C-alpha atoms as a PDB file:
ATOM      1  CA  MET A   1    -154.952  13.311 155.637  1.00  0.00           C
ATOM      2  CA  ASN A   2    -155.574  15.363 158.751  1.00  0.00           C
ATOM      3  CA  LYS A   3    -152.764  17.794 159.556  1.00  0.00           C
ATOM      4  CA  GLU A   4    -152.736  17.190 163.321  1.00  0.00           C
ATOM      5  CA  ARG A   5    -150.525  14.089 163.250  1.00  0.00           C
ATOM      6  CA  LEU A   6    -147.924  15.805 161.066  1.00  0.00           C
ATOM      7  CA  VAL A   7    -147.969  18.950 163.225  1.00  0.00           C
ATOM      8  CA  ALA A   8    -147.503  16.849 166.391  1.00  0.00           C
ATOM      9  CA  PHE A   9    -144.675  14.881 164.754  1.00  0.00           C
ATOM     10  CA  THR A  10    -142.987  18.086 163.591  1.00  0.00           C
ATOM     11  CA  ASP A  11    -143.310  19.621 167.056  1.00  0.00           C
ATOM     12  CA  ALA A  12    -141.780  16.531 168.654  1.00  0.00           C
ATOM     13  CA  VAL A  13    -138.848  16.300 166.246  1.00  0.00           C
ATOM     14  CA  LEU A  14    -138.050  20.018 166.542  1.00  0.00           C
ATOM     15  CA  ALA A  15    -138.225  19.765 170.352  1.00  0.00           C
ATOM     16  CA  ILE A  16    -135.751  16.873 170.259  1.00  0.00           C
ATOM     17  CA  ILE A  17    -133.442  18.761 167.887  1.00  0.00           C
ATOM     18  CA  MET A  18    -133.496  21.814 170.158  1.00  0.00           C
ATOM     19  CA  THR A  19    -132.830  19.642 173.224  1.00  0.00           C
ATOM     20  CA  ILE A  20    -129.863  17.952 171.552  1.00  0.00           C
ATOM     21  CA  LEU A  21    -128.628  21.422 170.584  1.00  0.00           C
ATOM     22  CA  VAL A  22    -128.289  22.442 174.235  1.00  0.00           C
ATOM     23  CA  LEU A  23    -126.756  19.094 175.192  1.00  0.00           C
ATOM     24  CA  GLU A  24    -124.010  19.709 172.612  1.00  0.00           C
ATOM     25  CA  LEU A  25    -122.849  22.867 174.418  1.00  0.00           C
ATOM     26  CA  GLU A  26    -119.312  22.524 175.715  1.00  0.00           C
ATOM     27  CA  LYS A  27    -118.713  22.797 179.414  1.00  0.00           C
ATOM     28  CA  PRO A  28    -115.985  25.109 180.685  1.00  0.00           C
ATOM     29  CA  GLU A  29    -112.649  23.529 181.554  1.00  0.00           C
ATOM     30  CA  HIS A  30    -112.748  25.405 184.862  1.00  0.00           C
ATOM     31  CA  ILE A  31    -115.981  26.552 186.437  1.00  0.00           C
ATOM     32  CA  SER A  32    -115.259  30.266 186.580  1.00  0.00           C
ATOM     33  CA  TRP A  33    -116.430  33.444 184.904  1.00  0.00           C
ATOM     34  CA  GLN A  34    -113.388  33.225 182.632  1.00  0.00           C
ATOM     35  CA  GLY A  35    -114.253  29.629 181.786  1.00  0.00           C
ATOM     36  CA  PHE A  36    -117.728  30.661 180.671  1.00  0.00           C
ATOM     37  CA  TRP A  37    -116.373  33.719 178.852  1.00  0.00           C
ATOM     38  CA  ASP A  38    -114.024  31.462 176.895  1.00  0.00           C
ATOM     39  CA  LEU A  39    -117.097  29.636 175.578  1.00  0.00           C
ATOM     40  CA  ARG A  40    -118.910  32.786 174.448  1.00  0.00           C
ATOM     41  CA  MET A  41    -118.828  31.748 170.771  1.00  0.00           C
ATOM     42  CA  ASN A  42    -120.358  28.391 171.720  1.00  0.00           C
ATOM     43  CA  PHE A  43    -123.212  30.223 173.398  1.00  0.00           C
ATOM     44  CA  LEU A  44    -123.563  32.582 170.442  1.00  0.00           C
ATOM     45  CA  ALA A  45    -123.744  29.688 167.951  1.00  0.00           C
ATOM     46  CA  TYR A  46    -126.252  27.895 170.195  1.00  0.00           C
ATOM     47  CA  THR A  47    -128.392  31.029 170.601  1.00  0.00           C
ATOM     48  CA  ILE A  48    -128.508  31.772 166.866  1.00  0.00           C
ATOM     49  CA  SER A  49    -129.387  28.157 166.011  1.00  0.00           C
ATOM     50  CA  PHE A  50    -131.982  27.860 168.785  1.00  0.00           C
ATOM     51  CA  PHE A  51    -133.825  31.034 167.838  1.00  0.00           C
ATOM     52  CA  TRP A  52    -133.566  30.254 164.130  1.00  0.00           C
ATOM     53  CA  LEU A  53    -135.232  26.884 164.757  1.00  0.00           C
ATOM     54  CA  GLY A  54    -137.740  28.555 167.087  1.00  0.00           C
ATOM     55  CA  THR A  55    -138.779  31.126 164.509  1.00  0.00           C
ATOM     56  CA  MET A  56    -139.061  28.364 161.920  1.00  0.00           C
ATOM     57  CA  TRP A  57    -141.457  26.565 164.282  1.00  0.00           C
ATOM     58  CA  VAL A  58    -143.515  29.720 164.901  1.00  0.00           C
ATOM     59  CA  ASN A  59    -143.758  30.500 161.185  1.00  0.00           C
ATOM     60  CA  MET A  60    -144.735  26.930 160.388  1.00  0.00           C
ATOM     61  CA  HIS A  61    -147.588  27.126 162.866  1.00  0.00           C
ATOM     62  CA  HIS A  62    -148.795  30.418 161.385  1.00  0.00           C
ATOM     63  CA  SER A  63    -148.689  28.933 157.902  1.00  0.00           C
ATOM     64  CA  TRP A  64    -150.397  25.695 158.874  1.00  0.00           C
ATOM     65  CA  ASP A  65    -153.100  27.346 160.984  1.00  0.00           C
ATOM     66  CA  GLY A  66    -155.827  27.516 158.335  1.00  0.00           C
ATOM     67  CA  VAL A  67    -155.022  24.195 156.702  1.00  0.00           C
ATOM     68  CA  LYS A  68    -157.512  21.409 157.380  1.00  0.00           C
ATOM     69  CA  GLN A  69    -156.247  18.624 155.125  1.00  0.00           C
ATOM     70  CA  ILE A  70    -152.799  17.877 153.762  1.00  0.00           C
ATOM     71  CA  ASN A  71    -151.499  15.670 150.988  1.00  0.00           C
ATOM     72  CA  ASN A  72    -148.702  13.096 150.842  1.00  0.00           C
ATOM     73  CA  LYS A  73    -146.398  15.520 149.045  1.00  0.00           C
ATOM     74  CA  LEU A  74    -146.626  17.941 151.974  1.00  0.00           C
ATOM     75  CA  VAL A  75    -145.901  15.111 154.414  1.00  0.00           C
ATOM     76  CA  TRP A  76    -142.725  14.160 152.535  1.00  0.00           C
ATOM     77  CA  ILE A  77    -141.614  17.781 152.185  1.00  0.00           C
ATOM     78  CA  SER A  78    -142.017  18.125 155.964  1.00  0.00           C
ATOM     79  CA  ILE A  79    -140.007  14.969 156.576  1.00  0.00           C
ATOM     80  CA  LEU A  80    -137.259  16.289 154.296  1.00  0.00           C
ATOM     81  CA  LEU A  81    -137.333  19.599 156.187  1.00  0.00           C
ATOM     82  CA  LEU A  82    -136.964  17.780 159.507  1.00  0.00           C
ATOM     83  CA  PHE A  83    -134.144  15.649 158.084  1.00  0.00           C
ATOM     84  CA  PHE A  84    -132.141  18.755 157.156  1.00  0.00           C
ATOM     85  CA  ALA A  85    -133.038  20.454 160.460  1.00  0.00           C
ATOM     86  CA  SER A  86    -131.796  17.406 162.379  1.00  0.00           C
ATOM     87  CA  PHE A  87    -128.251  18.358 161.338  1.00  0.00           C
ATOM     88  CA  PHE A  88    -128.427  21.594 163.377  1.00  0.00           C
ATOM     89  CA  PRO A  89    -126.951  20.172 166.593  1.00  0.00           C
ATOM     90  CA  TYR A  90    -124.083  18.659 164.618  1.00  0.00           C
ATOM     91  CA  VAL A  91    -123.185  21.716 162.525  1.00  0.00           C
ATOM     92  CA  THR A  92    -123.768  24.097 165.433  1.00  0.00           C
ATOM     93  CA  SER A  93    -121.300  22.141 167.556  1.00  0.00           C
ATOM     94  CA  ILE A  94    -118.756  22.313 164.711  1.00  0.00           C
ATOM     95  CA  VAL A  95    -119.153  26.089 164.401  1.00  0.00           C
ATOM     96  CA  ALA A  96    -119.161  26.500 168.173  1.00  0.00           C
ATOM     97  CA  SER A  97    -115.872  24.651 168.540  1.00  0.00           C
ATOM     98  CA  ASP A  98    -114.121  26.805 165.907  1.00  0.00           C
ATOM     99  CA  PHE A  99    -116.274  29.842 165.172  1.00  0.00           C
ATOM    100  CA  TYR A 100    -113.889  31.390 162.647  1.00  0.00           C
ATOM    101  CA  ASN A 101    -113.325  28.248 160.580  1.00  0.00           C
ATOM    102  CA  PRO A 102    -114.631  28.873 157.032  1.00  0.00           C
ATOM    103  CA  VAL A 103    -115.281  25.174 156.309  1.00  0.00           C
ATOM    104  CA  GLY A 104    -117.326  24.723 159.492  1.00  0.00           C
ATOM    105  CA  GLN A 105    -119.240  27.924 158.754  1.00  0.00           C
ATOM    106  CA  ALA A 106    -119.818  26.818 155.139  1.00  0.00           C
ATOM    107  CA  VAL A 107    -121.186  23.430 156.224  1.00  0.00           C
ATOM    108  CA  TYR A 108    -123.463  25.243 158.698  1.00  0.00           C
ATOM    109  CA  GLY A 109    -124.542  27.520 155.832  1.00  0.00           C
ATOM    110  CA  ILE A 110    -125.313  24.599 153.547  1.00  0.00           C
ATOM    111  CA  VAL A 111    -127.598  23.092 156.208  1.00  0.00           C
ATOM    112  CA  VAL A 112    -129.267  26.476 156.758  1.00  0.00           C
ATOM    113  CA  LEU A 113    -129.844  26.891 153.014  1.00  0.00           C
ATOM    114  CA  LEU A 114    -131.180  23.343 152.618  1.00  0.00           C
ATOM    115  CA  VAL A 115    -133.687  23.982 155.416  1.00  0.00           C
ATOM    116  CA  THR A 116    -134.566  27.361 153.893  1.00  0.00           C
ATOM    117  CA  PHE A 117    -135.107  25.954 150.383  1.00  0.00           C
ATOM    118  CA  THR A 118    -137.224  23.130 151.793  1.00  0.00           C
ATOM    119  CA  ASN A 119    -139.235  25.699 153.776  1.00  0.00           C
ATOM    120  CA  VAL A 120    -139.897  27.638 150.571  1.00  0.00           C
ATOM    121  CA  TRP A 121    -140.992  24.432 148.856  1.00  0.00           C
ATOM    122  CA  MET A 122    -143.279  23.639 151.816  1.00  0.00           C
ATOM    123  CA  TYR A 123    -144.829  27.126 151.737  1.00  0.00           C
ATOM    124  CA  ASP A 124    -145.431  26.788 147.990  1.00  0.00           C
ATOM    125  CA  GLU A 125    -147.195  23.481 148.565  1.00  0.00           C
ATOM    126  CA  LEU A 126    -149.214  24.961 151.437  1.00  0.00           C
ATOM    127  CA  ALA A 127    -150.320  27.785 149.139  1.00  0.00           C
ATOM    128  CA  LYS A 128    -151.934  25.166 146.889  1.00  0.00           C
ATOM    129  CA  MET A 129    -154.142  23.873 149.702  1.00  0.00           C
ATOM    130  CA  PRO A 130    -157.802  24.920 149.217  1.00  0.00           C
ATOM    131  CA  ILE A 131    -157.949  27.065 152.361  1.00  0.00           C
ATOM    132  CA  HIS A 132    -155.157  29.292 151.003  1.00  0.00           C
ATOM    133  CA  HIS A 133    -157.099  30.578 147.997  1.00  0.00           C
ATOM    134  CA  ASP A 134    -158.881  33.506 149.629  1.00  0.00           C
ATOM    135  CA  GLU A 135    -157.512  37.028 149.063  1.00  0.00           C
ATOM    136  CA  ASP A 136    -155.921  37.444 152.513  1.00  0.00           C
ATOM    137  CA  GLN A 137    -154.001  34.210 152.103  1.00  0.00           C
ATOM    138  CA  LYS A 138    -152.810  35.192 148.609  1.00  0.00           C
ATOM    139  CA  ILE A 139    -151.401  38.430 150.053  1.00  0.00           C
ATOM    140  CA  ILE A 140    -149.679  36.509 152.883  1.00  0.00           C
ATOM    141  CA  VAL A 141    -148.179  33.993 150.426  1.00  0.00           C
ATOM    142  CA  SER A 142    -146.999  36.794 148.110  1.00  0.00           C
ATOM    143  CA  HIS A 143    -145.409  38.677 151.022  1.00  0.00           C
ATOM    144  CA  ASN A 144    -143.830  35.431 152.272  1.00  0.00           C
ATOM    145  CA  ASP A 145    -142.274  34.860 148.819  1.00  0.00           C
ATOM    146  CA  LYS A 146    -140.639  38.308 148.886  1.00  0.00           C
ATOM    147  CA  VAL A 147    -139.319  37.869 152.442  1.00  0.00           C
ATOM    148  CA  MET A 148    -137.981  34.392 151.661  1.00  0.00           C
ATOM    149  CA  ALA A 149    -136.255  35.641 148.489  1.00  0.00           C
ATOM    150  CA  LEU A 150    -134.455  38.362 150.474  1.00  0.00           C
ATOM    151  CA  ASP A 151    -133.678  35.833 153.219  1.00  0.00           C
ATOM    152  CA  ILE A 152    -132.052  33.487 150.683  1.00  0.00           C
ATOM    153  CA  ILE A 153    -130.067  36.296 149.065  1.00  0.00           C
ATOM    154  CA  ILE A 154    -128.616  37.384 152.420  1.00  0.00           C
ATOM    155  CA  LYS A 155    -127.726  33.793 153.349  1.00  0.00           C
ATOM    156  CA  VAL A 156    -126.085  33.095 149.969  1.00  0.00           C
ATOM    157  CA  ILE A 157    -124.058  36.310 150.336  1.00  0.00           C
ATOM    158  CA  GLY A 158    -123.095  35.137 153.843  1.00  0.00           C
ATOM    159  CA  LEU A 159    -121.966  31.784 152.455  1.00  0.00           C
ATOM    160  CA  LEU A 160    -119.928  33.442 149.691  1.00  0.00           C
ATOM    161  CA  LEU A 161    -118.304  35.821 152.187  1.00  0.00           C
ATOM    162  CA  THR A 162    -117.529  32.875 154.475  1.00  0.00           C
ATOM    163  CA  LEU A 163    -115.752  31.089 151.656  1.00  0.00           C
ATOM    164  CA  THR A 164    -113.780  34.144 150.511  1.00  0.00           C
ATOM    165  CA  LEU A 165    -113.269  36.991 152.986  1.00  0.00           C
ATOM    166  CA  LEU A 166    -114.961  36.663 156.355  1.00  0.00           C
ATOM    167  CA  PRO A 167    -115.147  33.160 157.872  1.00  0.00           C
ATOM    168  CA  SER A 168    -117.910  33.984 160.373  1.00  0.00           C
ATOM    169  CA  ALA A 169    -120.171  35.688 157.787  1.00  0.00           C
ATOM    170  CA  MET A 170    -122.516  32.714 157.490  1.00  0.00           C
ATOM    171  CA  MET A 171    -123.459  32.722 161.154  1.00  0.00           C
ATOM    172  CA  TRP A 172    -123.871  36.505 161.075  1.00  0.00           C
ATOM    173  CA  SER A 173    -126.098  36.303 157.965  1.00  0.00           C
ATOM    174  CA  VAL A 174    -128.381  33.835 159.776  1.00  0.00           C
ATOM    175  CA  PHE A 175    -128.439  36.179 162.769  1.00  0.00           C
ATOM    176  CA  ILE A 176    -129.251  39.208 160.580  1.00  0.00           C
ATOM    177  CA  THR A 177    -132.029  37.457 158.642  1.00  0.00           C
ATOM    178  CA  ALA A 178    -133.564  36.191 161.879  1.00  0.00           C
ATOM    179  CA  LEU A 179    -133.338  39.575 163.584  1.00  0.00           C
ATOM    180  CA  VAL A 180    -134.424  41.762 160.648  1.00  0.00           C
ATOM    181  CA  LEU A 181    -136.698  39.569 158.508  1.00  0.00           C
ATOM    182  CA  ILE A 182    -137.984  36.469 160.244  1.00  0.00           C
ATOM    183  CA  ILE A 183    -138.593  37.359 163.910  1.00  0.00           C
ATOM    184  CA  PRO A 184    -140.323  40.713 163.182  1.00  0.00           C
ATOM    185  CA  ARG A 185    -142.625  38.977 160.703  1.00  0.00           C
ATOM    186  CA  SER A 186    -143.435  36.292 163.287  1.00  0.00           C
ATOM    187  CA  ILE A 187    -144.257  38.868 165.943  1.00  0.00           C
ATOM    188  CA  LYS A 188    -146.553  40.861 163.595  1.00  0.00           C
ATOM    189  CA  ASP A 189    -148.594  37.872 162.489  1.00  0.00           C
END
């Protein structure tokens, strides 16, 4: 199967998810600077989710760039990835409405980890595609595995901290992994 249809579908679904994300932002009770300031955690949750989804999109395009043909397994992994990602507007709105709620943060974290694990599975499947067997691609895949392992460790620690000591740790772990691991890697490539 040609990859172009799946890439276009993925782009469309992610664009819809990101649009719904902004539509879920609360409006201030009173249109004033204080009204907007009161919603600062809503904007923070939105910003972290938006850029996390954006970096996922950028990294997917880098990874898919050299692929000419895809298989059915990769199609279904991508659909599963989009299914989990489609929960972002929902869980972001939950976190935005009560940023320091450990249950809301934990549910957000579970969605983040499901998307992350599915991403890892997708990258592993992409590495099996014939175009990925040259030396440069093997180095990229190996480096990606190390970055993703560290990414998962930080997010799991964030989830554990959310459930035990610091309710907002999950959102901060997503922010830290995006800022330190994912975005810099996207900019370099």
